[in-house]
Amino acid sequence: MQTGGFQHNPFMRLTLLWTLLFAGGLWCTNAFMYFSRMGLTPTSVQAYYLGSEEEYSAPRSKESMLEVTHAHLPIMGVVILMLTHLMIFAPYSDGFKKAFIAASFGSALLGEASSWLVRFVSPHFAWLKIAAFITFQACLAFLIAGLARFLLVRPSRRPLDDEEEDERPIRSRAPRARV
């Protein structure tokens, strides 16, 4: 995997391309669901979680929020694990990888936590909900696009170390004569 082996294995490529299709669907539906309920303004987030007299909507119940959190936490964890695991093999610096992995998991966790914070602690946490959503969607898009790039752009086949040795001219492999 570290040397791009998945790019040459047709079964691995097929599996990962199908996974990308599902991850892309997740990214789209995540955005559609968010924007069908609220926008990128604190008042829209507050109205969704705290209810709105103008829209005749009730505050979100802790039971309904618990159901959403119960489904989101494991799914988001597994999806981010899978995509960041594949990113580990991409040619980025270790510092970037650590920061990006932390941003991916952190934004997902903060997105879930901020819902509870807006509803039960303070409406001012609406900004955190918006920032976490934007960060998570950006991280997810980067991971999906990065994996797609590595799968769809075929690198030229580099010979392995053993193959390089065998491709040297025969005379250079002959032992030197002692003088």
N, C-alpha and C. Protein backbone atom coordinates (compact mmCIF):
# COMPACT_ATOMS: atom_id res chain seq x y z
N MET A 1 0.82 -1.19 0.00
CA MET A 1 0.00 0.00 0.00
C MET A 1 0.87 1.25 0.00
N GLN A 2 1.95 1.24 0.78
CA GLN A 2 2.77 2.45 0.87
C GLN A 2 3.40 2.82 -0.46
N THR A 3 3.65 1.86 -1.31
CA THR A 3 4.27 2.15 -2.60
C THR A 3 3.23 2.23 -3.71
N GLY A 4 1.96 2.36 -3.34
CA GLY A 4 0.90 2.48 -4.35
C GLY A 4 0.46 1.14 -4.90
N GLY A 5 0.67 0.06 -4.15
CA GLY A 5 0.30 -1.27 -4.62
C GLY A 5 -1.17 -1.40 -4.95
N PHE A 6 -2.02 -0.63 -4.24
CA PHE A 6 -3.45 -0.71 -4.51
C PHE A 6 -3.78 -0.19 -5.89
N GLN A 7 -2.90 0.62 -6.46
CA GLN A 7 -3.15 1.17 -7.79
C GLN A 7 -2.96 0.11 -8.87
N HIS A 8 -2.23 -0.94 -8.57
CA HIS A 8 -1.94 -1.98 -9.56
C HIS A 8 -2.79 -3.23 -9.37
N ASN A 9 -3.45 -3.36 -8.24
CA ASN A 9 -4.27 -4.52 -7.97
C ASN A 9 -5.71 -4.21 -8.41
N PRO A 10 -6.20 -4.88 -9.45
CA PRO A 10 -7.53 -4.54 -9.97
C PRO A 10 -8.66 -4.76 -8.97
N PHE A 11 -8.55 -5.77 -8.10
CA PHE A 11 -9.61 -6.01 -7.12
C PHE A 11 -9.61 -4.93 -6.04
N MET A 12 -8.43 -4.52 -5.63
CA MET A 12 -8.33 -3.46 -4.64
C MET A 12 -8.88 -2.15 -5.22
N ARG A 13 -8.50 -1.87 -6.46
CA ARG A 13 -8.99 -0.65 -7.12
C ARG A 13 -10.51 -0.69 -7.25
N LEU A 14 -11.06 -1.81 -7.65
CA LEU A 14 -12.51 -1.93 -7.82
C LEU A 14 -13.23 -1.72 -6.49
N THR A 15 -12.73 -2.35 -5.44
CA THR A 15 -13.33 -2.21 -4.12
C THR A 15 -13.26 -0.76 -3.64
N LEU A 16 -12.12 -0.13 -3.81
CA LEU A 16 -11.97 1.25 -3.35
C LEU A 16 -12.78 2.22 -4.19
N LEU A 17 -12.91 1.98 -5.48
CA LEU A 17 -13.73 2.86 -6.32
C LEU A 17 -15.20 2.77 -5.91
N TRP A 18 -15.70 1.58 -5.63
CA TRP A 18 -17.07 1.45 -5.15
C TRP A 18 -17.23 2.13 -3.79
N THR A 19 -16.23 2.00 -2.94
CA THR A 19 -16.28 2.67 -1.64
C THR A 19 -16.33 4.18 -1.83
N LEU A 20 -15.57 4.68 -2.79
CA LEU A 20 -15.60 6.12 -3.08
C LEU A 20 -16.98 6.57 -3.53
N LEU A 21 -17.63 5.75 -4.32
CA LEU A 21 -18.98 6.09 -4.77
C LEU A 21 -19.91 6.26 -3.57
N PHE A 22 -19.84 5.33 -2.63
CA PHE A 22 -20.68 5.42 -1.44
C PHE A 22 -20.26 6.61 -0.56
N ALA A 23 -18.97 6.86 -0.43
CA ALA A 23 -18.50 7.99 0.38
C ALA A 23 -18.92 9.31 -0.26
N GLY A 24 -18.88 9.39 -1.57
CA GLY A 24 -19.36 10.59 -2.26
C GLY A 24 -20.85 10.80 -2.03
N GLY A 25 -21.60 9.70 -2.03
CA GLY A 25 -23.03 9.79 -1.72
C GLY A 25 -23.26 10.27 -0.30
N LEU A 26 -22.45 9.79 0.62
CA LEU A 26 -22.53 10.24 2.01
C LEU A 26 -22.28 11.75 2.10
N TRP A 27 -21.26 12.22 1.39
CA TRP A 27 -20.92 13.64 1.41
C TRP A 27 -22.10 14.47 0.90
N CYS A 28 -22.70 14.05 -0.20
CA CYS A 28 -23.83 14.79 -0.78
C CYS A 28 -25.05 14.77 0.13
N THR A 29 -25.41 13.59 0.61
CA THR A 29 -26.61 13.51 1.46
C THR A 29 -26.39 14.23 2.79
N ASN A 30 -25.17 14.24 3.29
CA ASN A 30 -24.87 14.97 4.51
C ASN A 30 -25.15 16.46 4.31
N ALA A 31 -24.70 16.99 3.19
CA ALA A 31 -24.93 18.41 2.89
C ALA A 31 -26.42 18.68 2.66
N PHE A 32 -27.09 17.83 1.89
CA PHE A 32 -28.52 18.02 1.62
C PHE A 32 -29.33 17.99 2.91
N MET A 33 -29.03 17.04 3.78
CA MET A 33 -29.77 16.94 5.04
C MET A 33 -29.54 18.16 5.92
N TYR A 34 -28.30 18.60 6.00
CA TYR A 34 -27.99 19.76 6.83
C TYR A 34 -28.76 20.98 6.32
N PHE A 35 -28.65 21.23 5.02
CA PHE A 35 -29.26 22.45 4.48
C PHE A 35 -30.78 22.34 4.35
N SER A 36 -31.34 21.15 4.43
CA SER A 36 -32.80 21.03 4.45
C SER A 36 -33.37 21.41 5.81
N ARG A 37 -32.51 21.42 6.83
CA ARG A 37 -32.97 21.72 8.19
C ARG A 37 -32.50 23.08 8.70
N MET A 38 -31.32 23.50 8.26
CA MET A 38 -30.75 24.75 8.76
C MET A 38 -29.75 25.29 7.74
N GLY A 39 -29.25 26.47 7.99
CA GLY A 39 -28.28 27.09 7.08
C GLY A 39 -26.98 27.37 7.80
N LEU A 40 -26.24 28.29 7.25
CA LEU A 40 -24.94 28.64 7.83
C LEU A 40 -25.03 29.89 8.69
N THR A 41 -26.19 30.12 9.27
CA THR A 41 -26.37 31.25 10.19
C THR A 41 -26.72 30.70 11.57
N PRO A 42 -26.24 31.36 12.61
CA PRO A 42 -26.56 30.90 13.96
C PRO A 42 -28.07 30.86 14.23
N THR A 43 -28.82 31.82 13.69
CA THR A 43 -30.26 31.83 13.95
C THR A 43 -30.95 30.60 13.37
N SER A 44 -30.50 30.13 12.21
CA SER A 44 -31.13 28.93 11.63
C SER A 44 -30.79 27.68 12.44
N VAL A 45 -29.58 27.60 12.97
CA VAL A 45 -29.18 26.47 13.81
C VAL A 45 -29.97 26.51 15.12
N GLN A 46 -30.07 27.69 15.70
CA GLN A 46 -30.81 27.84 16.94
C GLN A 46 -32.28 27.50 16.75
N ALA A 47 -32.87 27.93 15.65
CA ALA A 47 -34.28 27.64 15.39
C ALA A 47 -34.51 26.13 15.24
N TYR A 48 -33.57 25.43 14.63
CA TYR A 48 -33.73 23.99 14.45
C TYR A 48 -33.68 23.25 15.78
N TYR A 49 -32.72 23.60 16.63
CA TYR A 49 -32.56 22.87 17.90
C TYR A 49 -33.44 23.40 19.03
N LEU A 50 -33.71 24.69 19.03
CA LEU A 50 -34.47 25.29 20.13
C LEU A 50 -35.94 25.50 19.79
N GLY A 51 -36.29 25.27 18.55
CA GLY A 51 -37.67 25.52 18.11
C GLY A 51 -37.82 26.97 17.67
N SER A 52 -38.91 27.23 16.95
CA SER A 52 -39.15 28.57 16.43
C SER A 52 -40.65 28.85 16.43
N GLU A 53 -41.03 29.93 17.07
CA GLU A 53 -42.44 30.31 17.07
C GLU A 53 -42.89 30.70 15.66
N GLU A 54 -42.03 31.37 14.91
CA GLU A 54 -42.37 31.80 13.55
C GLU A 54 -42.66 30.61 12.63
N GLU A 55 -41.91 29.53 12.82
CA GLU A 55 -42.07 28.34 11.97
C GLU A 55 -42.94 27.27 12.65
N TYR A 56 -43.45 27.57 13.83
CA TYR A 56 -44.28 26.63 14.59
C TYR A 56 -43.57 25.28 14.80
N SER A 57 -42.30 25.36 15.11
CA SER A 57 -41.54 24.12 15.34
C SER A 57 -41.16 24.01 16.81
N ALA A 58 -41.21 22.80 17.31
CA ALA A 58 -40.87 22.53 18.71
C ALA A 58 -39.37 22.31 18.85
N PRO A 59 -38.85 22.50 20.05
CA PRO A 59 -37.43 22.19 20.29
C PRO A 59 -37.17 20.70 20.07
N ARG A 60 -35.95 20.36 19.69
CA ARG A 60 -35.58 18.95 19.50
C ARG A 60 -35.60 18.27 20.87
N SER A 61 -36.18 17.09 20.93
CA SER A 61 -36.21 16.35 22.19
C SER A 61 -34.88 15.63 22.40
N LYS A 62 -34.56 15.39 23.65
CA LYS A 62 -33.32 14.67 23.93
C LYS A 62 -33.37 13.26 23.37
N GLU A 63 -34.56 12.65 23.31
CA GLU A 63 -34.70 11.30 22.76
C GLU A 63 -34.38 11.27 21.26
N SER A 64 -34.90 12.25 20.52
CA SER A 64 -34.62 12.28 19.07
C SER A 64 -33.15 12.59 18.82
N MET A 65 -32.57 13.45 19.64
CA MET A 65 -31.14 13.76 19.48
C MET A 65 -30.28 12.55 19.84
N LEU A 66 -30.72 11.80 20.84
CA LEU A 66 -29.98 10.60 21.22
C LEU A 66 -30.00 9.57 20.10
N GLU A 67 -31.13 9.41 19.43
CA GLU A 67 -31.22 8.48 18.30
C GLU A 67 -30.26 8.88 17.18
N VAL A 68 -30.21 10.17 16.88
CA VAL A 68 -29.31 10.66 15.82
C VAL A 68 -27.86 10.44 16.23
N THR A 69 -27.52 10.81 17.44
CA THR A 69 -26.14 10.64 17.92
C THR A 69 -25.75 9.17 17.93
N HIS A 70 -26.67 8.31 18.37
CA HIS A 70 -26.40 6.88 18.42
C HIS A 70 -26.06 6.32 17.04
N ALA A 71 -26.71 6.80 16.01
CA ALA A 71 -26.42 6.34 14.64
C ALA A 71 -25.17 7.01 14.07
N HIS A 72 -25.00 8.30 14.34
CA HIS A 72 -23.89 9.04 13.74
C HIS A 72 -22.52 8.63 14.27
N LEU A 73 -22.40 8.44 15.56
CA LEU A 73 -21.06 8.20 16.13
C LEU A 73 -20.35 6.99 15.53
N PRO A 74 -20.96 5.82 15.48
CA PRO A 74 -20.22 4.69 14.91
C PRO A 74 -20.01 4.82 13.40
N ILE A 75 -21.00 5.30 12.69
CA ILE A 75 -20.86 5.40 11.23
C ILE A 75 -19.78 6.41 10.86
N MET A 76 -19.82 7.57 11.50
CA MET A 76 -18.82 8.59 11.19
C MET A 76 -17.43 8.10 11.58
N GLY A 77 -17.33 7.43 12.71
CA GLY A 77 -16.04 6.90 13.14
C GLY A 77 -15.45 5.92 12.15
N VAL A 78 -16.28 4.99 11.66
CA VAL A 78 -15.80 3.98 10.72
C VAL A 78 -15.44 4.60 9.37
N VAL A 79 -16.27 5.52 8.88
CA VAL A 79 -16.00 6.16 7.59
C VAL A 79 -14.70 6.97 7.66
N ILE A 80 -14.55 7.74 8.72
CA ILE A 80 -13.32 8.55 8.86
C ILE A 80 -12.11 7.65 9.06
N LEU A 81 -12.26 6.59 9.83
CA LEU A 81 -11.17 5.63 10.01
C LEU A 81 -10.71 5.08 8.66
N MET A 82 -11.67 4.63 7.86
CA MET A 82 -11.33 4.04 6.57
C MET A 82 -10.62 5.05 5.66
N LEU A 83 -11.18 6.25 5.55
CA LEU A 83 -10.60 7.22 4.62
C LEU A 83 -9.26 7.77 5.12
N THR A 84 -9.14 8.04 6.42
CA THR A 84 -7.86 8.55 6.92
C THR A 84 -6.80 7.45 6.91
N HIS A 85 -7.22 6.21 7.11
CA HIS A 85 -6.27 5.09 7.02
C HIS A 85 -5.64 5.03 5.63
N LEU A 86 -6.44 5.22 4.61
CA LEU A 86 -5.90 5.23 3.25
C LEU A 86 -5.02 6.45 3.00
N MET A 87 -5.36 7.57 3.65
CA MET A 87 -4.56 8.78 3.48
C MET A 87 -3.16 8.62 4.10
N ILE A 88 -3.04 7.74 5.07
CA ILE A 88 -1.74 7.52 5.71
C ILE A 88 -0.69 7.16 4.67
N PHE A 89 -1.10 6.48 3.59
CA PHE A 89 -0.18 6.02 2.57
C PHE A 89 0.07 7.06 1.48
N ALA A 90 -0.58 8.20 1.57
CA ALA A 90 -0.40 9.27 0.58
C ALA A 90 0.89 10.02 0.88
N PRO A 91 1.46 10.66 -0.13
CA PRO A 91 2.76 11.32 0.05
C PRO A 91 2.67 12.70 0.71
N TYR A 92 2.13 12.75 1.93
CA TYR A 92 2.07 13.99 2.69
C TYR A 92 3.01 13.86 3.88
N SER A 93 3.37 15.00 4.45
CA SER A 93 4.26 14.96 5.61
C SER A 93 3.52 14.36 6.81
N ASP A 94 4.28 13.82 7.73
CA ASP A 94 3.68 13.23 8.93
C ASP A 94 2.89 14.27 9.72
N GLY A 95 3.42 15.49 9.79
CA GLY A 95 2.72 16.55 10.51
C GLY A 95 1.37 16.87 9.90
N PHE A 96 1.34 16.93 8.57
CA PHE A 96 0.07 17.18 7.88
C PHE A 96 -0.91 16.05 8.14
N LYS A 97 -0.43 14.82 8.05
CA LYS A 97 -1.31 13.66 8.26
C LYS A 97 -1.90 13.68 9.67
N LYS A 98 -1.06 13.95 10.68
CA LYS A 98 -1.56 13.99 12.06
C LYS A 98 -2.60 15.09 12.23
N ALA A 99 -2.31 16.27 11.71
CA ALA A 99 -3.24 17.40 11.84
C ALA A 99 -4.54 17.12 11.10
N PHE A 100 -4.43 16.53 9.92
CA PHE A 100 -5.62 16.27 9.12
C PHE A 100 -6.49 15.18 9.75
N ILE A 101 -5.86 14.16 10.27
CA ILE A 101 -6.61 13.09 10.95
C ILE A 101 -7.32 13.67 12.17
N ALA A 102 -6.62 14.49 12.95
CA ALA A 102 -7.24 15.12 14.12
C ALA A 102 -8.38 16.04 13.70
N ALA A 103 -8.21 16.80 12.63
CA ALA A 103 -9.28 17.69 12.15
C ALA A 103 -10.49 16.89 11.68
N SER A 104 -10.26 15.77 11.02
CA SER A 104 -11.36 14.95 10.52
C SER A 104 -12.19 14.38 11.67
N PHE A 105 -11.51 13.70 12.60
CA PHE A 105 -12.23 13.12 13.73
C PHE A 105 -12.78 14.21 14.65
N GLY A 106 -11.99 15.24 14.88
CA GLY A 106 -12.41 16.32 15.78
C GLY A 106 -13.63 17.07 15.28
N SER A 107 -13.67 17.37 13.99
CA SER A 107 -14.82 18.11 13.45
C SER A 107 -16.09 17.25 13.49
N ALA A 108 -15.95 15.95 13.26
CA ALA A 108 -17.12 15.07 13.35
C ALA A 108 -17.64 15.01 14.78
N LEU A 109 -16.73 14.88 15.73
CA LEU A 109 -17.14 14.82 17.14
C LEU A 109 -17.73 16.15 17.60
N LEU A 110 -17.11 17.25 17.20
CA LEU A 110 -17.64 18.56 17.58
C LEU A 110 -18.99 18.84 16.93
N GLY A 111 -19.19 18.33 15.72
CA GLY A 111 -20.48 18.49 15.07
C GLY A 111 -21.59 17.83 15.87
N GLU A 112 -21.32 16.64 16.38
CA GLU A 112 -22.31 15.95 17.20
C GLU A 112 -22.48 16.65 18.55
N ALA A 113 -21.36 16.98 19.19
CA ALA A 113 -21.42 17.61 20.52
C ALA A 113 -22.09 18.97 20.46
N SER A 114 -21.84 19.73 19.41
CA SER A 114 -22.40 21.08 19.33
C SER A 114 -23.92 21.08 19.23
N SER A 115 -24.50 20.03 18.67
CA SER A 115 -25.96 19.92 18.64
C SER A 115 -26.51 19.92 20.06
N TRP A 116 -25.90 19.11 20.90
CA TRP A 116 -26.31 19.01 22.29
C TRP A 116 -26.03 20.32 23.04
N LEU A 117 -24.90 20.94 22.72
CA LEU A 117 -24.54 22.20 23.39
C LEU A 117 -25.52 23.31 23.04
N VAL A 118 -25.91 23.40 21.77
CA VAL A 118 -26.88 24.42 21.36
C VAL A 118 -28.21 24.19 22.08
N ARG A 119 -28.64 22.96 22.10
CA ARG A 119 -29.96 22.65 22.67
C ARG A 119 -30.01 22.77 24.18
N PHE A 120 -28.97 22.32 24.87
CA PHE A 120 -29.07 22.21 26.33
C PHE A 120 -28.12 23.10 27.13
N VAL A 121 -27.17 23.77 26.47
CA VAL A 121 -26.23 24.62 27.22
C VAL A 121 -26.41 26.09 26.85
N SER A 122 -26.16 26.44 25.59
CA SER A 122 -26.28 27.84 25.17
C SER A 122 -26.48 27.93 23.66
N PRO A 123 -27.34 28.82 23.21
CA PRO A 123 -27.53 29.00 21.76
C PRO A 123 -26.27 29.54 21.07
N HIS A 124 -25.35 30.07 21.85
CA HIS A 124 -24.12 30.61 21.26
C HIS A 124 -23.23 29.53 20.64
N PHE A 125 -23.48 28.27 20.99
CA PHE A 125 -22.72 27.18 20.38
C PHE A 125 -23.13 26.90 18.94
N ALA A 126 -24.08 27.66 18.42
CA ALA A 126 -24.49 27.51 17.02
C ALA A 126 -23.30 27.76 16.09
N TRP A 127 -22.44 28.68 16.46
CA TRP A 127 -21.25 28.94 15.63
C TRP A 127 -20.36 27.70 15.55
N LEU A 128 -20.25 26.99 16.66
CA LEU A 128 -19.45 25.76 16.68
C LEU A 128 -20.06 24.71 15.75
N LYS A 129 -21.38 24.60 15.75
CA LYS A 129 -22.07 23.65 14.87
C LYS A 129 -21.76 23.97 13.40
N ILE A 130 -21.81 25.23 13.05
CA ILE A 130 -21.55 25.66 11.67
C ILE A 130 -20.09 25.39 11.29
N ALA A 131 -19.17 25.77 12.17
CA ALA A 131 -17.74 25.57 11.89
C ALA A 131 -17.41 24.09 11.79
N ALA A 132 -17.98 23.28 12.66
CA ALA A 132 -17.72 21.83 12.63
C ALA A 132 -18.26 21.22 11.35
N PHE A 133 -19.46 21.65 10.93
CA PHE A 133 -20.04 21.12 9.68
C PHE A 133 -19.16 21.47 8.48
N ILE A 134 -18.76 22.71 8.38
CA ILE A 134 -17.93 23.14 7.24
C ILE A 134 -16.59 22.41 7.24
N THR A 135 -15.98 22.30 8.41
CA THR A 135 -14.68 21.61 8.51
C THR A 135 -14.82 20.14 8.16
N PHE A 136 -15.84 19.49 8.69
CA PHE A 136 -16.03 18.07 8.41
C PHE A 136 -16.28 17.83 6.92
N GLN A 137 -17.14 18.64 6.31
CA GLN A 137 -17.42 18.47 4.88
C GLN A 137 -16.15 18.71 4.05
N ALA A 138 -15.35 19.69 4.43
CA ALA A 138 -14.10 19.96 3.71
C ALA A 138 -13.12 18.80 3.85
N CYS A 139 -13.00 18.26 5.06
CA CYS A 139 -12.11 17.12 5.29
C CYS A 139 -12.57 15.91 4.50
N LEU A 140 -13.85 15.64 4.54
CA LEU A 140 -14.41 14.50 3.82
C LEU A 140 -14.19 14.65 2.32
N ALA A 141 -14.42 15.86 1.80
CA ALA A 141 -14.22 16.11 0.36
C ALA A 141 -12.75 15.91 -0.02
N PHE A 142 -11.84 16.38 0.82
CA PHE A 142 -10.42 16.22 0.54
C PHE A 142 -10.03 14.75 0.53
N LEU A 143 -10.54 14.00 1.50
CA LEU A 143 -10.22 12.57 1.57
C LEU A 143 -10.76 11.82 0.37
N ILE A 144 -11.99 12.10 -0.03
CA ILE A 144 -12.60 11.42 -1.17
C ILE A 144 -11.87 11.80 -2.46
N ALA A 145 -11.62 13.09 -2.65
CA ALA A 145 -10.93 13.54 -3.87
C ALA A 145 -9.50 13.01 -3.92
N GLY A 146 -8.82 12.99 -2.78
CA GLY A 146 -7.46 12.49 -2.74
C GLY A 146 -7.38 11.02 -3.09
N LEU A 147 -8.29 10.25 -2.53
CA LEU A 147 -8.31 8.81 -2.85
C LEU A 147 -8.66 8.59 -4.32
N ALA A 148 -9.61 9.35 -4.82
CA ALA A 148 -9.98 9.23 -6.23
C ALA A 148 -8.78 9.54 -7.13
N ARG A 149 -8.03 10.55 -6.77
CA ARG A 149 -6.84 10.92 -7.55
C ARG A 149 -5.83 9.78 -7.59
N PHE A 150 -5.58 9.17 -6.45
CA PHE A 150 -4.61 8.08 -6.40
C PHE A 150 -5.10 6.83 -7.11
N LEU A 151 -6.42 6.65 -7.16
CA LEU A 151 -6.95 5.47 -7.84
C LEU A 151 -7.07 5.66 -9.34
N LEU A 152 -7.40 6.86 -9.76
CA LEU A 152 -7.69 7.09 -11.17
C LEU A 152 -6.47 7.54 -11.98
N VAL A 153 -5.47 8.11 -11.32
CA VAL A 153 -4.24 8.51 -12.01
C VAL A 153 -3.24 7.39 -11.81
N ARG A 154 -3.02 6.65 -12.89
CA ARG A 154 -2.11 5.50 -12.79
C ARG A 154 -0.67 5.96 -12.92
N PRO A 155 0.14 5.71 -11.91
CA PRO A 155 1.56 6.06 -12.02
C PRO A 155 2.28 5.08 -12.94
N SER A 156 3.40 5.53 -13.45
CA SER A 156 4.21 4.60 -14.25
C SER A 156 4.75 3.54 -13.32
N ARG A 157 4.82 2.33 -13.78
CA ARG A 157 5.25 1.21 -12.93
C ARG A 157 6.74 1.31 -12.69
N ARG A 158 7.07 1.45 -11.42
CA ARG A 158 8.48 1.46 -11.03
C ARG A 158 8.88 0.06 -10.64
N PRO A 159 10.03 -0.40 -11.09
CA PRO A 159 10.46 -1.74 -10.70
C PRO A 159 10.80 -1.78 -9.21
N LEU A 160 10.60 -2.93 -8.62
CA LEU A 160 10.96 -3.11 -7.22
C LEU A 160 12.47 -3.17 -7.09
N ASP A 161 12.97 -3.07 -5.87
CA ASP A 161 14.42 -3.07 -5.64
C ASP A 161 15.08 -4.30 -6.26
N ASP A 162 14.48 -5.46 -6.10
CA ASP A 162 15.06 -6.70 -6.66
C ASP A 162 15.10 -6.64 -8.18
N GLU A 163 14.05 -6.07 -8.79
CA GLU A 163 14.01 -5.98 -10.25
C GLU A 163 15.07 -5.01 -10.76
N GLU A 164 15.30 -3.91 -10.00
CA GLU A 164 16.32 -2.95 -10.43
C GLU A 164 17.69 -3.62 -10.49
N GLU A 165 17.96 -4.46 -9.50
CA GLU A 165 19.24 -5.13 -9.46
C GLU A 165 19.40 -6.05 -10.68
N ASP A 166 18.34 -6.74 -11.05
CA ASP A 166 18.41 -7.66 -12.18
C ASP A 166 18.52 -6.95 -13.52
N GLU A 167 18.15 -5.69 -13.59
CA GLU A 167 18.18 -4.98 -14.86
C GLU A 167 19.54 -4.33 -15.16
N ARG A 168 20.46 -4.41 -14.23
CA ARG A 168 21.79 -3.85 -14.48
C ARG A 168 22.49 -4.67 -15.56
N PRO A 169 23.34 -4.04 -16.32
CA PRO A 169 24.08 -4.82 -17.32
C PRO A 169 24.85 -5.95 -16.65
N ILE A 170 24.98 -7.04 -17.35
CA ILE A 170 25.63 -8.24 -16.80
C ILE A 170 27.05 -7.95 -16.37
N ARG A 171 27.79 -7.21 -17.16
CA ARG A 171 29.19 -6.98 -16.82
C ARG A 171 29.36 -6.21 -15.52
N SER A 172 28.36 -5.36 -15.16
CA SER A 172 28.51 -4.61 -13.90
C SER A 172 28.27 -5.52 -12.69
N ARG A 173 27.65 -6.68 -12.89
CA ARG A 173 27.42 -7.61 -11.80
C ARG A 173 28.59 -8.58 -11.62
N ALA A 174 29.46 -8.63 -12.59
CA ALA A 174 30.60 -9.55 -12.50
C ALA A 174 31.56 -9.05 -11.42
N PRO A 175 32.16 -9.99 -10.69
CA PRO A 175 33.11 -9.58 -9.64
C PRO A 175 34.34 -8.95 -10.30
N ARG A 176 34.94 -8.03 -9.56
CA ARG A 176 36.15 -7.38 -10.06
C ARG A 176 37.32 -8.32 -9.97
N ALA A 177 38.17 -8.22 -10.95
CA ALA A 177 39.39 -9.03 -10.93
C ALA A 177 40.39 -8.38 -9.99
N ARG A 178 41.07 -9.21 -9.22
CA ARG A 178 42.08 -8.66 -8.30
C ARG A 178 43.37 -8.47 -9.07
N VAL A 179 43.98 -7.40 -8.80
CA VAL A 179 45.24 -7.12 -9.47
C VAL A 179 46.42 -7.32 -8.56
